[in-house]
Protein backbone atom coordinates (compact mmCIF):
# COMPACT_ATOMS: atom_id res chain seq x y z
CA UNK A 1 -25.71 232.17 173.97
CA UNK A 2 -26.26 231.44 170.21
CA UNK A 3 -27.04 227.81 169.59
CA UNK A 4 -25.60 227.81 166.06
CA UNK A 5 -21.97 228.53 167.42
CA UNK A 6 -21.73 224.86 168.73
CA UNK A 7 -23.31 223.34 165.63
CA UNK A 8 -20.63 225.31 163.02
CA UNK A 9 -17.48 224.00 165.46
CA UNK A 10 -18.62 220.34 165.16
CA UNK A 11 -19.31 220.59 161.22
CA UNK A 12 -15.59 222.37 161.28
CA UNK A 13 -14.04 219.47 163.34
CA UNK A 14 -15.55 216.73 161.23
CA UNK A 15 -14.34 218.46 157.98
CA UNK A 16 -10.70 218.97 159.31
CA UNK A 17 -10.68 215.15 160.57
CA UNK A 18 -11.81 213.88 157.04
CA UNK A 19 -9.18 215.94 155.31
CA UNK A 20 -6.39 214.77 157.88
CA UNK A 21 -7.64 210.70 156.78
CA UNK A 22 -7.24 211.76 153.30
CA UNK A 23 -3.93 213.16 153.75
CA UNK A 24 -2.58 210.24 155.87
CA UNK A 25 -4.00 207.71 153.16
CA UNK A 26 -1.92 209.72 150.54
CA UNK A 27 1.18 209.47 152.57
CA UNK A 28 0.87 205.96 153.06
CA UNK A 29 0.42 205.30 149.17
CA UNK A 30 3.61 207.46 148.49
CA UNK A 31 5.79 205.65 151.07
CA UNK A 32 4.70 202.25 149.52
CA UNK A 33 5.73 203.73 146.17
CA UNK A 34 8.87 204.75 147.11
CA UNK A 35 9.99 201.76 149.46
CA UNK A 36 12.96 199.97 148.34
CA UNK A 37 12.34 197.07 146.05
CA UNK A 38 13.83 193.51 146.69
CA UNK A 39 16.83 192.11 145.26
CA UNK A 40 14.79 189.48 143.18
CA UNK A 41 12.94 192.10 141.59
CA UNK A 42 16.18 194.10 140.91
CA UNK A 43 17.98 191.16 139.50
CA UNK A 44 14.69 190.08 137.07
CA UNK A 45 14.82 193.53 135.80
CA UNK A 46 18.73 193.63 135.16
CA UNK A 47 18.39 190.17 133.34
CA UNK A 48 15.58 191.18 131.21
CA UNK A 49 17.22 194.49 130.03
CA UNK A 50 20.40 192.36 129.16
CA UNK A 51 18.58 189.97 127.27
CA UNK A 52 17.01 193.16 125.45
CA UNK A 53 20.23 194.72 124.86
CA UNK A 54 21.99 191.11 123.58
CA UNK A 55 19.08 190.81 121.24
CA UNK A 56 19.35 194.46 120.10
CA UNK A 57 23.24 193.66 119.26
CA UNK A 58 22.65 190.43 117.41
CA UNK A 59 20.31 192.18 115.31
CA UNK A 60 22.59 194.97 114.54
CA UNK A 61 25.41 192.62 113.82
CA UNK A 62 23.22 190.27 111.35
CA UNK A 63 22.11 193.51 109.54
CA UNK A 64 25.84 194.21 108.40
CA UNK A 65 26.00 191.00 106.56
CA UNK A 66 28.95 189.77 108.54
CA UNK A 67 29.27 186.52 110.57
CA UNK A 68 30.39 187.07 114.14
CA UNK A 69 31.84 183.63 114.25
CA UNK A 70 33.93 184.28 111.13
CA UNK A 71 37.67 184.45 111.77
CA UNK A 72 39.76 187.83 110.63
CA UNK A 73 42.05 185.29 108.64
CA UNK A 74 39.27 184.29 106.56
CA UNK A 75 38.09 188.04 105.75
CA UNK A 76 41.62 188.98 105.05
CA UNK A 77 42.29 186.23 102.74
CA UNK A 78 39.29 186.87 100.87
CA UNK A 79 39.93 190.26 100.61
CA UNK A 80 43.49 189.88 99.30
CA UNK A 81 42.29 187.27 96.68
CA UNK A 82 39.42 189.85 95.41
CA UNK A 83 42.13 192.87 95.23
CA UNK A 84 43.36 193.65 91.91
CA UNK A 85 46.98 193.95 91.29
CA UNK A 86 48.15 191.67 94.07
CA UNK A 87 51.13 189.59 93.00
CA UNK A 88 50.49 185.67 92.82
CA UNK A 89 52.77 184.33 95.66
CA UNK A 90 52.98 180.99 94.12
CA UNK A 91 56.11 180.05 92.66
CA UNK A 92 56.75 180.55 89.13
CA UNK A 93 58.90 178.67 86.60
CA UNK A 94 62.65 179.44 86.74
CA UNK A 95 63.76 181.58 83.87
CA UNK A 96 67.49 180.48 84.33
CA UNK A 97 68.42 178.57 81.30
CA UNK A 98 69.01 174.97 82.00
CA UNK A 99 72.70 175.01 80.80
CA UNK A 100 73.35 177.69 83.41
CA UNK A 101 71.50 175.58 86.18
CA UNK A 102 73.63 172.73 85.73
CA UNK A 103 76.90 174.91 85.48
CA UNK A 104 79.13 173.94 88.49
CA UNK A 105 82.44 175.25 87.53
CA UNK A 106 82.91 177.49 90.56
CA UNK A 107 80.83 175.57 93.30
CA UNK A 108 84.01 175.30 95.46
CA UNK A 109 83.77 179.19 95.92
CA UNK A 110 80.25 179.11 97.47
CA UNK A 111 80.14 181.48 100.35
CA UNK A 112 83.37 183.33 99.02
CA UNK A 113 83.62 187.21 99.07
CA UNK A 114 84.76 189.08 95.82
CA UNK A 115 87.33 191.16 97.88
CA UNK A 116 88.96 188.20 99.28
CA UNK A 117 89.10 186.32 95.48
CA UNK A 118 90.33 189.57 94.08
CA UNK A 119 93.01 190.12 96.67
CA UNK A 120 94.23 186.41 96.23
CA UNK A 121 94.54 187.06 92.35
CA UNK A 122 96.10 190.61 92.75
CA UNK A 123 99.06 188.85 94.74
CA UNK A 124 99.77 186.27 92.31
CA UNK A 125 98.59 187.12 88.96
CA UNK A 126 97.96 190.22 86.85
CA UNK A 127 94.07 189.70 86.93
CA UNK A 128 91.22 190.65 88.67
CA UNK A 129 88.38 188.38 90.12
CA UNK A 130 86.23 189.71 87.56
CA UNK A 131 88.54 189.07 84.75
CA UNK A 132 89.20 185.65 86.04
CA UNK A 133 85.66 184.52 86.35
CA UNK A 134 84.39 186.21 83.02
CA UNK A 135 87.55 184.31 81.09
CA UNK A 136 86.28 181.16 82.09
CA UNK A 137 82.89 181.55 81.20
CA UNK A 138 83.78 182.77 77.99
CA UNK A 139 85.51 179.84 77.29
CA UNK A 140 82.90 177.41 78.42
CA UNK A 141 79.86 179.44 76.73
CA UNK A 142 81.49 179.92 73.21
CA UNK A 143 79.54 178.77 70.26
CA UNK A 144 80.25 178.28 66.42
CA UNK A 145 79.08 181.91 66.10
CA UNK A 146 80.87 183.17 69.33
CA UNK A 147 80.82 183.74 72.83
CA UNK A 148 77.49 183.90 74.47
CA UNK A 149 77.93 187.24 76.39
CA UNK A 150 74.08 188.07 76.97
CA UNK A 151 73.74 184.85 78.75
CA UNK A 152 76.88 185.04 80.68
CA UNK A 153 76.15 188.61 81.88
CA UNK A 154 72.28 188.04 82.70
CA UNK A 155 73.16 184.98 84.72
CA UNK A 156 76.32 185.77 86.25
CA UNK A 157 75.33 185.64 89.76
CA UNK A 158 74.10 181.99 89.16
CA UNK A 159 76.89 181.23 87.39
CA UNK A 160 79.67 182.41 89.75
CA UNK A 161 79.06 182.69 93.44
CA UNK A 162 80.98 185.67 94.54
CA UNK A 163 79.93 187.68 91.46
CA UNK A 164 76.47 189.49 92.86
CA UNK A 165 75.51 191.67 89.79
CA UNK A 166 74.53 190.96 86.37
CA UNK A 167 76.58 192.57 83.55
CA UNK A 168 75.70 193.98 80.18
CA UNK A 169 77.21 192.11 77.23
CA UNK A 170 79.30 195.27 76.83
CA UNK A 171 80.53 194.79 80.28
CA UNK A 172 81.27 191.18 79.65
CA UNK A 173 83.32 191.85 76.59
CA UNK A 174 85.22 194.77 78.51
CA UNK A 175 86.25 192.09 81.08
CA UNK A 176 87.20 189.66 78.44
CA UNK A 177 89.25 191.92 76.38
CA UNK A 178 91.13 193.18 79.39
CA UNK A 179 92.14 189.57 80.51
CA UNK A 180 93.60 188.88 77.01
CA UNK A 181 95.44 192.16 76.82
CA UNK A 182 96.73 191.27 80.31
CA UNK A 183 97.79 187.74 79.38
CA UNK A 184 99.68 189.01 76.40
CA UNK A 185 101.63 191.58 78.28
CA UNK A 186 102.47 189.10 81.02
CA UNK A 187 103.56 186.61 78.16
CA UNK A 188 105.94 189.18 76.80
CA UNK A 189 107.32 190.11 80.08
CA UNK A 190 107.89 186.50 81.16
CA UNK A 191 109.65 185.52 77.81
CA UNK A 192 111.72 188.91 77.81
CA UNK A 193 112.93 187.59 81.39
CA UNK A 194 113.75 184.08 79.87
CA UNK A 195 115.56 185.26 76.68
CA UNK A 196 117.54 188.24 77.89
CA UNK A 197 119.70 186.12 80.12
CA UNK A 198 118.50 187.77 83.56
CA UNK A 199 117.41 184.43 85.06
CA UNK A 200 119.73 181.63 85.27
CA UNK A 201 118.56 178.25 84.24
CA UNK A 202 117.60 177.23 88.09
CA UNK A 203 116.16 180.66 88.38
CA UNK A 204 113.91 180.03 85.43
CA UNK A 205 112.68 176.51 86.54
CA UNK A 206 111.88 177.91 89.72
CA UNK A 207 109.51 180.69 88.09
CA UNK A 208 107.95 178.03 85.95
CA UNK A 209 107.00 175.86 89.07
CA UNK A 210 105.67 178.92 91.02
CA UNK A 211 103.47 180.19 87.94
CA UNK A 212 102.43 176.21 87.40
CA UNK A 213 101.35 175.95 91.00
CA UNK A 214 99.18 179.04 90.93
CA UNK A 215 97.58 178.01 87.42
CA UNK A 216 96.88 174.56 88.61
CA UNK A 217 95.30 175.74 91.92
CA UNK A 218 93.12 178.03 89.78
CA UNK A 219 91.89 175.14 87.61
CA UNK A 220 91.19 173.11 90.91
CA UNK A 221 88.90 175.58 92.13
CA UNK A 222 87.29 175.92 88.80
CA UNK A 223 86.63 172.04 89.47
CA UNK A 224 89.03 170.79 86.91
CA UNK A 225 89.93 167.37 87.80
CA UNK A 226 93.92 167.36 87.06
CA UNK A 227 95.26 163.85 87.40
CA UNK A 228 98.92 163.28 88.49
CA UNK A 229 100.12 162.19 84.63
CA UNK A 230 98.25 165.27 83.50
CA UNK A 231 100.27 167.73 85.56
CA UNK A 232 103.59 166.01 84.80
CA UNK A 233 102.71 166.30 80.77
CA UNK A 234 101.93 169.96 81.14
CA UNK A 235 105.13 170.75 83.50
CA UNK A 236 107.29 168.70 81.02
CA UNK A 237 105.83 170.53 77.73
CA UNK A 238 106.28 174.15 79.47
CA UNK A 239 109.86 173.08 80.61
CA UNK A 240 110.54 171.69 77.19
CA UNK A 241 109.48 174.93 75.32
CA UNK A 242 111.31 176.92 78.26
CA UNK A 243 114.43 174.96 77.21
CA UNK A 244 114.26 175.76 73.49
CA UNK A 245 113.47 179.51 74.24
CA UNK A 246 116.65 179.67 76.26
CA UNK A 247 118.65 177.81 73.54
CA UNK A 248 117.36 180.06 70.72
CA UNK A 249 118.27 183.21 72.96
CA UNK A 250 121.46 181.81 73.53
CA UNK A 251 122.09 181.51 69.68
CA UNK A 252 120.88 184.93 69.11
CA UNK A 253 123.24 186.50 71.52
CA UNK A 254 126.09 184.64 70.30
CA UNK A 255 125.41 185.92 66.70
CA UNK A 256 125.06 189.58 67.88
CA UNK A 257 128.52 189.10 69.80
CA UNK A 258 130.14 188.27 66.45
């Protein structure tokens, strides 16, 4: 038997054992590296990462020049104050003339609707609510040079509660002229009825009484304070005039018959 054979087998066995020992050592190291980390180590790394992200976010916020604690309303106010063309919200001085502000002729009509006022007048007179209001204003805003139609028209809603639109001077003059024409027409109609003997004396007194009551009511709504003496005096003057008209009418008819 060859003597070298056993020696070669021993060397081969020793080399194989050394390789197995090295392989075992590497496997042990890999197992140690892949072993699960403790919760403390994991939490510590998580906190470290959170702090790093917070510092990064704070750096980004400060780099924009904006204070994180600044409220949105403060930024909005600052932006609004610096925006051109934004109107000033503070109240300015009133452009309404002083005499218009003090005018209180129709204060009893606060809250009244134009249609309701117009309906009331239509049932009792020839005039409209527009003509009534403007006729009174023309009487109150008359100067030595004429009626202030521009002031009346521009401040109509402030002067009369149930008037909601402003008027041009031409529209004011038109309403004033319409009122005058209707008064003249109604006067002629009334006088004719009184002079043509259509009404008896008692009926004519009733017509006068009803007309006087409507006129007094409108004056009271306008704020005119009529005393009892003033009312009696006005009624007596009207009655006196109507008696004279009736007497003159009877004389005229008598002359025609003769």
